[in-house]
Protein backbone atom coordinates (compact mmCIF):
# COMPACT_ATOMS: atom_id res chain seq x y z
CA MET A 1 -83.47 -137.07 114.85
CA LYS A 2 -81.36 -136.99 111.71
CA VAL A 3 -82.85 -138.12 108.41
CA GLU A 4 -80.59 -140.54 106.58
CA ARG A 5 -80.25 -140.91 102.83
CA GLN A 6 -81.74 -144.42 102.85
CA GLU A 7 -84.81 -143.18 104.77
CA LEU A 8 -85.35 -140.41 102.23
CA LEU A 9 -85.09 -142.86 99.34
CA HIS A 10 -87.50 -145.22 101.10
CA ILE A 11 -90.02 -142.40 101.63
CA ALA A 12 -89.65 -141.35 97.99
CA LYS A 13 -90.28 -144.93 96.88
CA LEU A 14 -93.40 -145.18 99.05
CA ALA A 15 -94.68 -141.91 97.59
CA ASN A 16 -93.78 -143.08 94.08
CA LEU A 17 -91.45 -140.11 93.60
CA THR A 18 -88.40 -140.06 91.38
CA ILE A 19 -85.58 -138.05 92.92
CA LYS A 20 -82.48 -137.22 90.90
CA GLU A 21 -79.10 -137.87 92.51
CA GLU A 22 -78.25 -134.15 92.60
CA GLU A 23 -81.55 -133.36 94.39
CA ILE A 24 -81.09 -135.79 97.28
CA GLU A 25 -79.00 -133.46 99.45
CA ASN A 26 -81.52 -130.62 99.01
CA TYR A 27 -84.41 -132.93 99.92
CA LEU A 28 -82.54 -134.15 103.00
CA VAL A 29 -82.06 -130.57 104.22
CA ASN A 30 -85.71 -129.64 103.54
CA LEU A 31 -87.07 -132.77 105.21
CA GLN A 32 -84.82 -132.21 108.22
CA ASP A 33 -86.08 -128.61 108.51
CA ILE A 34 -89.69 -129.82 108.41
CA LEU A 35 -89.06 -132.43 111.09
CA ASN A 36 -87.23 -129.90 113.28
CA TYR A 37 -90.18 -127.51 113.03
CA ALA A 38 -92.64 -130.32 113.85
CA ASN A 39 -90.49 -131.16 116.88
CA ILE A 40 -90.66 -127.52 118.06
CA VAL A 41 -94.45 -127.53 117.66
CA ASN A 42 -94.74 -130.84 119.55
CA LYS A 43 -92.74 -129.42 122.47
CA ALA A 44 -94.86 -126.24 122.75
CA ASP A 45 -96.35 -125.73 126.19
CA VAL A 46 -100.12 -126.02 125.92
CA ASP A 47 -100.94 -126.47 129.60
CA GLY A 48 -103.86 -124.29 130.62
CA LEU A 49 -104.89 -123.46 127.06
CA LYS A 50 -108.47 -124.06 126.01
CA GLU A 51 -109.12 -126.08 122.90
CA THR A 52 -110.16 -123.91 119.95
CA ILE A 53 -111.46 -124.60 116.49
CA ALA A 54 -110.89 -121.16 115.04
CA ALA A 55 -109.40 -117.85 116.06
CA ASN A 56 -112.78 -116.40 117.03
CA GLU A 57 -116.00 -117.56 118.59
CA ASN A 58 -118.18 -117.28 115.45
CA TYR A 59 -120.42 -120.19 114.59
CA ASN A 60 -122.96 -121.02 111.89
CA VAL A 61 -126.53 -120.01 112.54
CA PHE A 62 -128.95 -122.35 110.85
CA ARG A 63 -132.59 -121.68 110.28
CA LYS A 64 -135.18 -124.37 110.73
CA ASP A 65 -136.28 -126.07 107.50
CA GLU A 66 -139.92 -125.35 106.93
CA ILE A 67 -142.10 -126.48 104.05
CA VAL A 68 -143.98 -123.53 102.60
CA LYS A 69 -146.59 -123.98 99.92
CA PHE A 70 -146.03 -121.58 97.03
CA GLU A 71 -149.40 -120.30 95.84
CA ASP A 72 -148.62 -118.27 92.72
CA THR A 73 -147.13 -120.93 90.40
CA GLU A 74 -148.56 -119.25 87.29
CA SER A 75 -146.47 -116.10 87.71
CA LEU A 76 -143.44 -118.22 88.52
CA LEU A 77 -143.83 -120.32 85.37
CA GLN A 78 -144.51 -117.37 83.04
CA ASN A 79 -140.75 -116.89 82.61
CA ALA A 80 -140.04 -120.56 82.02
CA PRO A 81 -139.11 -121.58 78.47
CA ASP A 82 -141.39 -124.62 78.79
CA ALA A 83 -143.79 -125.88 81.49
CA GLU A 84 -145.91 -128.96 81.99
CA LEU A 85 -148.29 -129.90 84.84
CA HIS A 86 -147.39 -126.73 86.78
CA MET A 87 -143.67 -127.60 86.71
CA PHE A 88 -140.61 -126.51 84.74
CA LYS A 89 -140.02 -128.79 81.77
CA ILE A 90 -136.40 -129.35 80.91
CA PRO A 91 -134.62 -131.59 78.39
CA LYS A 92 -133.50 -135.04 79.53
CA VAL A 93 -130.03 -135.16 80.98
CA LEU A 94 -128.28 -138.48 80.71
């Protein structure tokens, strides 16, 4: 499939791009190269290949969320600049 000048200008208009007259030929060559590569990838033989997400079999290991009551709030709050009702007190953020 050959990319025509009018198609390139139409794509540029849709993408709200301004292409100078002297750049059109270069863009045509680059776009044609991209489409040729995509065509090669589309024709690649994938029969018998398993679907993969990544190059290896690693996966995320999540721990279960558990609520744990923290008993020593006094020692935790001793480094706080300001505390109120056993909580950190911070300035209002609007």
